[in-house]
Amino acid sequence: MKITGVECHFVDRYLLVEVHTDAGISGLGESGAWGFLESSAAAVEKFGRYLVDKDPLHIEHHWQYMYRFSHFRGSAIMGAISALDIALWDIAGKHFGVPVHHLLGGPVRDRARAYHHVFGSTREELLAGIKSARAAGFTAVGHLTPFLDEPRDRPFAVHTGVRLIEEAAEAVRLYREAVGSEVDLCVEIHRRLNPAEAIQLGRAIEPYRPFFYEDPVTPDNFDEMAYVASKISIPIATGERMTSLWEFQMLLARGAVQYVRPDVCLVGGISGAKKIAALAEAHHVGVVPHNPLSPVSTAACLQIAACIPNFALQEYPGEWSPPRSLLMSPPIGHDGNGYLMIPSDPGIGVTLNRDALEMLPEVKREVVTRLRTDGSVMDQ
């Protein structure tokens, strides 16, 4: 079996990648470099020229060959490698007639506990979303910010430091009050705080027992994250912006994280995510795969969740409705009790419906960076 071609699809806000073979088997992957999908597609095409006529089952060799090719990497390059790696694993699973996780040591679970995305531009919308997720059977909610999901073109207003912390802590209190102890809260800060603020807020929300405190500060400085972790008693989750095993190693060595958040579409695909999970296991750290993307990402994440012992929770952006739901089949199953079913079909478990591609035209992400009311740039 040999690779005959690589194909990119810009679909909605996503970049999907197909790898075709002369055996009639195609594999499906996705790039997680969401801000630079055009650049990632160019890297896919470049790597694709290398892959043509190669054996698709030599996955680790191809991963190393692409990774070591250039001395300069980043999210666009790693998103491309991730998409191709996922597609090659999809081909391997289909070739052997088994789900990918059967090729990675076999399943240790048959379903994956998930947290449901909750959005809201007002506190009332967020509270309604939490209650709705609980009513749908989810036992964890996430993407749950105490600062509201406001658009990037709206300046972020901060009146006083004390008000910033008090209002955020009050929001988390209300979230906990809304569902009691029936739902785990995954609190998402989106890197908006400096270390001093992150420590103050972390201590203030400790009584509400969040499942984790995600990205309280920017991930650029591992020592900074370790400092915050050392001053609070709630678990920190981070890693969605990281692109390599070695970054996670530095984070773990500093005791800076209790839940790692590798993005399977950014850290080198299924190959990269599996290695990061093993590294985290050696540190008794749980894995919560990052997943804000399409069902291709969800399916790939679930292959990891199926076969690693330290899986903790799966990010789940929610059910898709038409026309998006027509893009993939079969749909990812939810058991109504907080768990996603591990796909049992060969490969990653979902198939692209090419006839539906035109129903979801590309939506480009333009350069829009959040500002504060004083005009300075902030992270979101």
Protein backbone atom coordinates (compact mmCIF):
# COMPACT_ATOMS: atom_id res chain seq x y z
CA MET A 1 0.00 0.00 0.00
CA LYS A 2 1.31 3.44 -0.96
CA ILE A 3 0.14 7.01 -0.50
CA THR A 4 -1.13 8.53 -3.73
CA GLY A 5 -2.04 12.03 -2.65
CA VAL A 6 -2.93 14.49 0.11
CA GLU A 7 -5.94 16.80 -0.02
CA CYS A 8 -6.93 19.84 2.09
CA HIS A 9 -10.50 20.96 2.79
CA PHE A 10 -11.31 24.36 4.29
CA VAL A 11 -14.65 23.68 5.94
CA ASP A 12 -16.39 26.31 8.06
CA ARG A 13 -13.71 27.35 10.61
CA TYR A 14 -11.72 24.13 10.18
CA LEU A 15 -8.96 22.63 8.06
CA LEU A 16 -9.56 18.95 7.32
CA VAL A 17 -6.96 16.80 5.58
CA GLU A 18 -7.39 13.57 3.61
CA VAL A 19 -4.58 11.17 2.75
CA HIS A 20 -5.37 8.78 -0.12
CA THR A 21 -3.77 5.41 -0.94
CA ASP A 22 -3.63 3.04 -3.89
CA ALA A 23 -5.55 0.49 -1.81
CA GLY A 24 -8.66 2.65 -1.93
CA ILE A 25 -8.30 3.56 1.77
CA SER A 26 -8.33 7.22 2.76
CA GLY A 27 -7.49 8.70 6.13
CA LEU A 28 -8.94 11.83 7.72
CA GLY A 29 -7.18 14.36 9.95
CA GLU A 30 -7.47 17.95 11.16
CA SER A 31 -5.11 20.84 11.88
CA GLY A 32 -5.57 22.71 15.16
CA ALA A 33 -3.59 25.81 14.12
CA TRP A 34 -6.88 27.69 14.00
CA GLY A 35 -5.38 31.17 13.65
CA PHE A 36 -3.13 30.18 10.75
CA LEU A 37 -5.02 27.55 8.78
CA GLU A 38 -3.85 28.93 5.43
CA SER A 39 -0.22 28.53 6.53
CA SER A 40 -0.93 25.09 7.94
CA ALA A 41 -2.50 24.01 4.63
CA ALA A 42 0.64 25.13 2.80
CA ALA A 43 2.71 22.96 5.16
CA VAL A 44 0.35 20.01 4.57
CA GLU A 45 0.86 20.34 0.83
CA LYS A 46 4.64 20.51 1.26
CA PHE A 47 4.71 17.42 3.48
CA GLY A 48 2.25 15.75 1.12
CA ARG A 49 4.81 15.84 -1.68
CA TYR A 50 7.17 13.89 0.56
CA LEU A 51 4.50 11.36 1.53
CA VAL A 52 3.44 10.39 -2.00
CA ASP A 53 4.60 6.84 -2.86
CA LYS A 54 5.47 6.13 0.79
CA ASP A 55 4.00 3.33 2.92
CA PRO A 56 1.32 4.94 5.12
CA LEU A 57 1.89 2.40 7.89
CA HIS A 58 5.37 3.74 8.70
CA ILE A 59 3.75 6.36 10.90
CA GLU A 60 6.53 7.01 13.42
CA HIS A 61 9.16 7.24 10.71
CA HIS A 62 7.09 9.75 8.75
CA TRP A 63 6.43 11.76 11.93
CA GLN A 64 10.13 12.02 12.71
CA TYR A 65 11.03 12.73 9.09
CA MET A 66 8.58 15.64 8.84
CA TYR A 67 9.37 16.98 12.31
CA ARG A 68 13.15 16.94 11.80
CA PHE A 69 13.01 18.30 8.25
CA SER A 70 13.12 21.97 9.27
CA HIS A 71 14.81 23.69 12.16
CA PHE A 72 11.87 26.09 12.49
CA ARG A 73 8.47 24.95 13.69
CA GLY A 74 5.40 26.34 15.41
CA SER A 75 1.64 25.92 15.41
CA ALA A 76 1.17 26.01 11.61
CA ILE A 77 3.81 23.32 11.07
CA MET A 78 2.73 21.17 14.00
CA GLY A 79 -0.91 21.50 12.97
CA ALA A 80 0.05 20.10 9.57
CA ILE A 81 2.04 17.22 11.05
CA SER A 82 -0.86 16.52 13.44
CA ALA A 83 -3.44 16.39 10.65
CA LEU A 84 -1.31 14.04 8.59
CA ASP A 85 -0.49 11.84 11.58
CA ILE A 86 -4.18 11.46 12.49
CA ALA A 87 -4.96 10.60 8.87
CA LEU A 88 -2.19 7.97 8.76
CA TRP A 89 -3.51 6.36 11.95
CA ASP A 90 -6.99 6.42 10.40
CA ILE A 91 -5.60 4.55 7.38
CA ALA A 92 -3.83 2.04 9.63
CA GLY A 93 -7.00 1.31 11.58
CA LYS A 94 -9.01 0.84 8.39
CA HIS A 95 -6.26 -1.34 6.90
CA PHE A 96 -6.32 -3.70 9.89
CA GLY A 97 -10.08 -3.39 10.39
CA VAL A 98 -9.92 -2.05 13.97
CA PRO A 99 -10.33 1.26 15.82
CA VAL A 100 -7.05 3.13 16.23
CA HIS A 101 -6.97 2.54 19.98
CA HIS A 102 -6.66 -1.20 19.33
CA LEU A 103 -3.31 -0.43 17.70
CA LEU A 104 -2.20 1.61 20.72
CA GLY A 105 -2.46 -1.10 23.36
CA GLY A 106 -6.20 -1.67 23.36
CA PRO A 107 -9.03 -0.03 25.28
CA VAL A 108 -8.94 0.60 29.01
CA ARG A 109 -12.49 2.06 28.92
CA ASP A 110 -15.46 1.95 26.59
CA ARG A 111 -16.66 5.51 27.16
CA ALA A 112 -15.12 8.86 28.06
CA ARG A 113 -16.51 11.29 30.60
CA ALA A 114 -16.95 14.68 28.95
CA TYR A 115 -17.43 18.28 29.90
CA HIS A 116 -19.86 20.26 27.82
CA HIS A 117 -19.04 23.71 26.49
CA VAL A 118 -21.04 26.50 28.09
CA PHE A 119 -21.05 29.96 26.51
CA GLY A 120 -22.64 33.25 27.49
CA SER A 121 -22.16 36.97 27.02
CA THR A 122 -24.10 37.54 30.25
CA ARG A 123 -23.96 35.79 33.57
CA GLU A 124 -27.58 34.74 33.14
CA GLU A 125 -26.75 33.00 29.87
CA LEU A 126 -23.87 31.14 31.49
CA LEU A 127 -26.03 30.01 34.40
CA ALA A 128 -28.73 28.84 31.99
CA GLY A 129 -26.12 26.96 29.98
CA ILE A 130 -24.83 25.15 33.08
CA LYS A 131 -28.34 24.06 34.04
CA SER A 132 -29.10 23.00 30.48
CA ALA A 133 -25.97 20.86 30.31
CA ARG A 134 -26.93 19.20 33.58
CA ALA A 135 -30.45 18.53 32.28
CA ALA A 136 -28.90 16.89 29.20
CA GLY A 137 -27.05 14.47 31.47
CA PHE A 138 -23.58 16.02 31.60
CA THR A 139 -21.79 15.84 34.94
CA ALA A 140 -19.15 18.44 34.05
CA VAL A 141 -19.24 21.78 32.29
CA GLY A 142 -16.35 23.74 30.92
CA HIS A 143 -15.14 26.59 28.82
CA LEU A 144 -16.72 28.27 31.83
CA THR A 145 -15.32 31.74 32.28
CA PRO A 146 -16.04 34.12 35.17
CA PHE A 147 -15.33 37.00 32.76
CA LEU A 148 -18.06 36.29 30.18
CA ASP A 149 -17.69 35.28 26.53
CA GLU A 150 -17.48 38.73 25.02
CA PRO A 151 -16.38 39.40 21.43
CA ARG A 152 -12.78 40.41 20.81
CA ASP A 153 -13.80 43.71 19.30
CA ARG A 154 -15.33 44.83 22.61
CA PRO A 155 -12.80 46.46 24.98
CA PHE A 156 -12.31 44.60 28.24
CA ALA A 157 -13.31 46.91 31.09
CA VAL A 158 -11.46 46.67 34.40
CA HIS A 159 -12.43 49.27 36.96
CA THR A 160 -10.40 48.26 40.00
CA GLY A 161 -8.29 45.27 40.93
CA VAL A 162 -10.53 44.38 43.86
CA ARG A 163 -13.65 44.54 41.69
CA LEU A 164 -12.04 42.28 39.06
CA ILE A 165 -11.37 39.55 41.64
CA GLU A 166 -14.58 39.95 43.62
CA GLU A 167 -16.86 39.84 40.57
CA ALA A 168 -15.07 36.82 39.12
CA ALA A 169 -15.23 34.94 42.42
CA GLU A 170 -18.92 35.78 42.76
CA ALA A 171 -19.56 34.38 39.29
CA VAL A 172 -17.96 31.05 40.24
CA ARG A 173 -20.00 31.00 43.47
CA LEU A 174 -23.19 31.39 41.43
CA TYR A 175 -22.11 28.65 39.03
CA ARG A 176 -21.61 26.27 41.94
CA GLU A 177 -24.88 27.30 43.56
CA ALA A 178 -26.75 26.59 40.31
CA VAL A 179 -25.87 22.87 40.26
CA GLY A 180 -24.62 22.05 43.74
CA SER A 181 -22.27 19.09 43.84
CA GLU A 182 -23.93 17.37 40.86
CA VAL A 183 -21.65 18.96 38.25
CA ASP A 184 -17.91 19.57 38.09
CA LEU A 185 -16.95 23.10 37.07
CA CYS A 186 -14.00 23.55 34.73
CA VAL A 187 -13.13 27.21 35.21
CA GLU A 188 -11.53 28.83 32.15
CA ILE A 189 -9.53 32.04 32.60
CA HIS A 190 -8.23 32.36 29.02
CA ARG A 191 -4.86 33.64 30.27
CA ARG A 192 -6.31 37.03 31.28
CA LEU A 193 -4.58 37.41 34.65
CA ASN A 194 -1.09 38.20 35.82
CA PRO A 195 0.42 35.89 38.48
CA ALA A 196 -0.64 38.03 41.44
CA GLU A 197 -4.23 38.25 40.18
CA ALA A 198 -4.30 34.54 39.36
CA ILE A 199 -3.27 33.66 42.91
CA GLN A 200 -5.86 35.99 44.45
CA LEU A 201 -8.68 34.59 42.31
CA GLY A 202 -7.51 31.00 42.77
CA ARG A 203 -7.67 31.36 46.53
CA ALA A 204 -11.03 33.13 46.35
CA ILE A 205 -12.70 30.29 44.41
CA GLU A 206 -11.19 27.42 46.40
CA PRO A 207 -14.41 26.96 48.48
CA TYR A 208 -16.36 26.20 45.27
CA ARG A 209 -14.16 23.21 44.41
CA PRO A 210 -13.54 23.71 40.69
CA PHE A 211 -12.44 20.57 38.88
CA PHE A 212 -9.63 22.64 37.46
CA TYR A 213 -8.46 26.23 36.99
CA GLU A 214 -7.50 26.55 33.36
CA ASP A 215 -4.83 28.85 31.93
CA PRO A 216 -4.85 31.45 34.71
CA VAL A 217 -1.75 33.08 33.16
CA THR A 218 -0.12 32.97 29.75
CA PRO A 219 1.77 29.72 29.05
CA ASP A 220 4.89 31.47 27.80
CA ASN A 221 6.81 31.15 31.07
CA PHE A 222 6.67 27.73 32.75
CA ASP A 223 8.16 29.08 35.98
CA GLU A 224 5.35 31.61 36.19
CA MET A 225 2.72 28.86 35.97
CA ALA A 226 4.61 26.83 38.57
CA TYR A 227 4.66 29.84 40.90
CA VAL A 228 0.87 30.19 40.66
CA ALA A 229 0.41 26.45 41.22
CA SER A 230 2.54 26.58 44.36
CA LYS A 231 0.35 29.27 45.93
CA ILE A 232 -3.12 27.77 45.47
CA SER A 233 -4.78 24.48 46.35
CA ILE A 234 -6.94 23.91 43.26
CA PRO A 235 -5.67 21.97 40.22
CA ILE A 236 -4.26 23.90 37.28
CA ALA A 237 -4.98 22.75 33.74
CA THR A 238 -2.93 24.04 30.82
CA GLY A 239 -1.27 23.00 27.58
CA GLU A 240 -3.68 23.83 24.74
CA ARG A 241 -1.19 26.22 23.11
CA MET A 242 1.78 23.90 23.38
CA THR A 243 3.02 22.08 20.30
CA SER A 244 5.54 19.51 21.51
CA LEU A 245 6.29 16.75 23.96
CA TRP A 246 9.28 18.72 25.23
CA GLU A 247 7.22 21.72 26.30
CA PHE A 248 5.02 19.43 28.37
CA GLN A 249 8.12 17.85 29.91
CA MET A 250 9.33 21.25 31.12
CA LEU A 251 5.89 22.06 32.50
CA LEU A 252 5.60 18.75 34.34
CA ALA A 253 9.14 18.91 35.71
CA ARG A 254 8.22 22.15 37.49
CA GLY A 255 5.05 20.78 39.09
CA ALA A 256 3.18 23.52 37.27
CA VAL A 257 0.16 21.48 36.15
CA GLN A 258 -2.23 18.85 37.52
CA TYR A 259 -4.14 18.30 34.27
CA VAL A 260 -2.36 18.53 30.92
CA ARG A 261 -4.39 19.72 27.93
CA PRO A 262 -2.72 18.46 24.75
CA ASP A 263 -4.51 19.32 21.52
CA VAL A 264 -4.30 16.19 19.38
CA CYS A 265 -4.53 18.40 16.27
CA LEU A 266 -1.56 20.53 17.37
CA VAL A 267 0.91 18.40 19.37
CA GLY A 268 1.80 15.99 16.59
CA GLY A 269 -1.46 14.12 16.24
CA ILE A 270 -2.29 10.81 17.88
CA SER A 271 1.42 9.92 18.02
CA GLY A 272 2.30 13.10 19.88
CA ALA A 273 -0.69 13.03 22.23
CA LYS A 274 -0.04 9.41 23.23
CA LYS A 275 3.55 10.25 24.20
CA ILE A 276 2.47 13.29 26.21
CA ALA A 277 -0.10 11.16 28.05
CA ALA A 278 2.61 8.65 28.97
CA LEU A 279 4.85 11.45 30.22
CA ALA A 280 2.00 12.83 32.32
CA GLU A 281 1.26 9.36 33.68
CA ALA A 282 4.79 9.19 35.09
CA HIS A 283 4.01 12.38 37.04
CA HIS A 284 0.55 11.20 38.23
CA VAL A 285 -1.01 13.96 36.15
CA GLY A 286 -4.37 13.58 34.41
CA VAL A 287 -5.07 14.21 30.72
CA VAL A 288 -7.91 16.43 29.51
CA PRO A 289 -7.56 16.62 25.70
CA HIS A 290 -8.20 20.06 24.25
CA ASN A 291 -10.95 19.97 21.64
CA PRO A 292 -12.62 23.12 20.29
CA LEU A 293 -12.69 21.81 16.72
CA SER A 294 -14.71 19.54 14.42
CA PRO A 295 -15.89 15.94 14.98
CA VAL A 296 -12.60 14.78 13.42
CA SER A 297 -10.80 16.21 16.45
CA THR A 298 -13.37 14.70 18.83
CA ALA A 299 -12.98 11.27 17.25
CA ALA A 300 -9.17 11.46 17.41
CA CYS A 301 -9.30 12.59 21.04
CA LEU A 302 -11.53 9.66 21.94
CA GLN A 303 -8.98 7.22 20.49
CA ILE A 304 -6.50 8.61 23.03
CA ALA A 305 -9.06 8.59 25.84
CA ALA A 306 -9.80 4.93 25.11
CA CYS A 307 -6.27 3.67 25.65
CA ILE A 308 -4.56 5.79 28.32
CA PRO A 309 -4.94 5.04 32.04
CA ASN A 310 -4.65 8.68 33.17
CA PHE A 311 -7.46 10.10 31.04
CA ALA A 312 -9.57 12.43 33.20
CA LEU A 313 -12.12 14.30 31.10
CA GLN A 314 -12.85 15.08 27.46
CA GLU A 315 -13.63 18.58 26.24
CA TYR A 316 -16.77 18.41 24.11
CA PRO A 317 -17.90 21.43 22.07
CA GLY A 318 -21.42 20.05 21.74
CA GLU A 319 -23.80 18.40 19.33
CA TRP A 320 -23.77 19.59 15.75
CA SER A 321 -26.97 20.46 13.91
CA PRO A 322 -27.49 20.64 10.13
CA PRO A 323 -25.71 21.45 7.94
CA ARG A 324 -22.64 20.75 10.11
CA SER A 325 -24.01 17.42 11.29
CA LEU A 326 -24.18 16.23 7.68
CA LEU A 327 -20.41 16.53 7.27
CA MET A 328 -19.42 13.43 9.27
CA SER A 329 -20.88 10.04 9.98
CA PRO A 330 -21.61 8.35 12.25
CA PRO A 331 -22.22 10.99 14.93
CA ILE A 332 -20.30 10.78 18.20
CA GLY A 333 -22.64 9.13 20.69
CA HIS A 334 -23.52 10.58 24.11
CA ASP A 335 -25.05 8.19 26.63
CA GLY A 336 -27.10 10.82 28.47
CA ASN A 337 -25.12 10.28 31.66
CA GLY A 338 -22.10 12.45 30.99
CA TYR A 339 -20.10 10.09 28.77
CA LEU A 340 -19.17 10.00 25.08
CA MET A 341 -19.05 6.58 23.50
CA ILE A 342 -15.70 5.49 22.08
CA PRO A 343 -16.11 5.01 18.30
CA SER A 344 -15.97 1.32 17.37
CA ASP A 345 -15.63 1.67 13.60
CA PRO A 346 -12.20 1.07 12.04
CA GLY A 347 -9.79 4.00 12.08
CA ILE A 348 -10.71 7.07 14.09
CA GLY A 349 -14.38 6.19 13.68
CA VAL A 350 -15.80 8.99 11.53
CA THR A 351 -16.06 9.34 7.76
CA LEU A 352 -16.13 12.54 5.72
CA ASN A 353 -19.24 13.07 3.62
CA ARG A 354 -17.68 14.77 0.61
CA ASP A 355 -21.09 15.66 -0.80
CA ALA A 356 -21.65 17.97 2.17
CA LEU A 357 -18.42 19.96 1.79
CA GLU A 358 -20.02 22.69 -0.29
CA MET A 359 -22.68 23.20 2.37
CA LEU A 360 -20.07 24.56 4.78
CA PRO A 361 -17.92 27.17 3.03
CA GLU A 362 -14.72 28.40 4.60
CA VAL A 363 -15.00 31.02 7.35
CA LYS A 364 -11.71 32.88 7.60
CA ARG A 365 -10.33 34.10 10.91
CA GLU A 366 -9.14 37.66 10.58
CA VAL A 367 -6.60 39.32 12.87
CA VAL A 368 -8.65 40.70 15.77
CA THR A 369 -6.93 41.09 19.13
CA ARG A 370 -8.74 42.06 22.32
CA LEU A 371 -7.95 45.45 23.83
CA ARG A 372 -8.57 46.90 27.26
CA THR A 373 -10.54 50.10 27.68
CA ASP A 374 -7.25 52.04 27.81
CA GLY A 375 -6.29 50.73 24.36
CA SER A 376 -3.61 48.26 25.50
CA VAL A 377 -3.49 44.70 24.19
CA MET A 378 -4.64 41.77 26.31
CA ASP A 379 -4.66 38.00 25.90
CA GLN A 380 -7.90 36.11 25.24
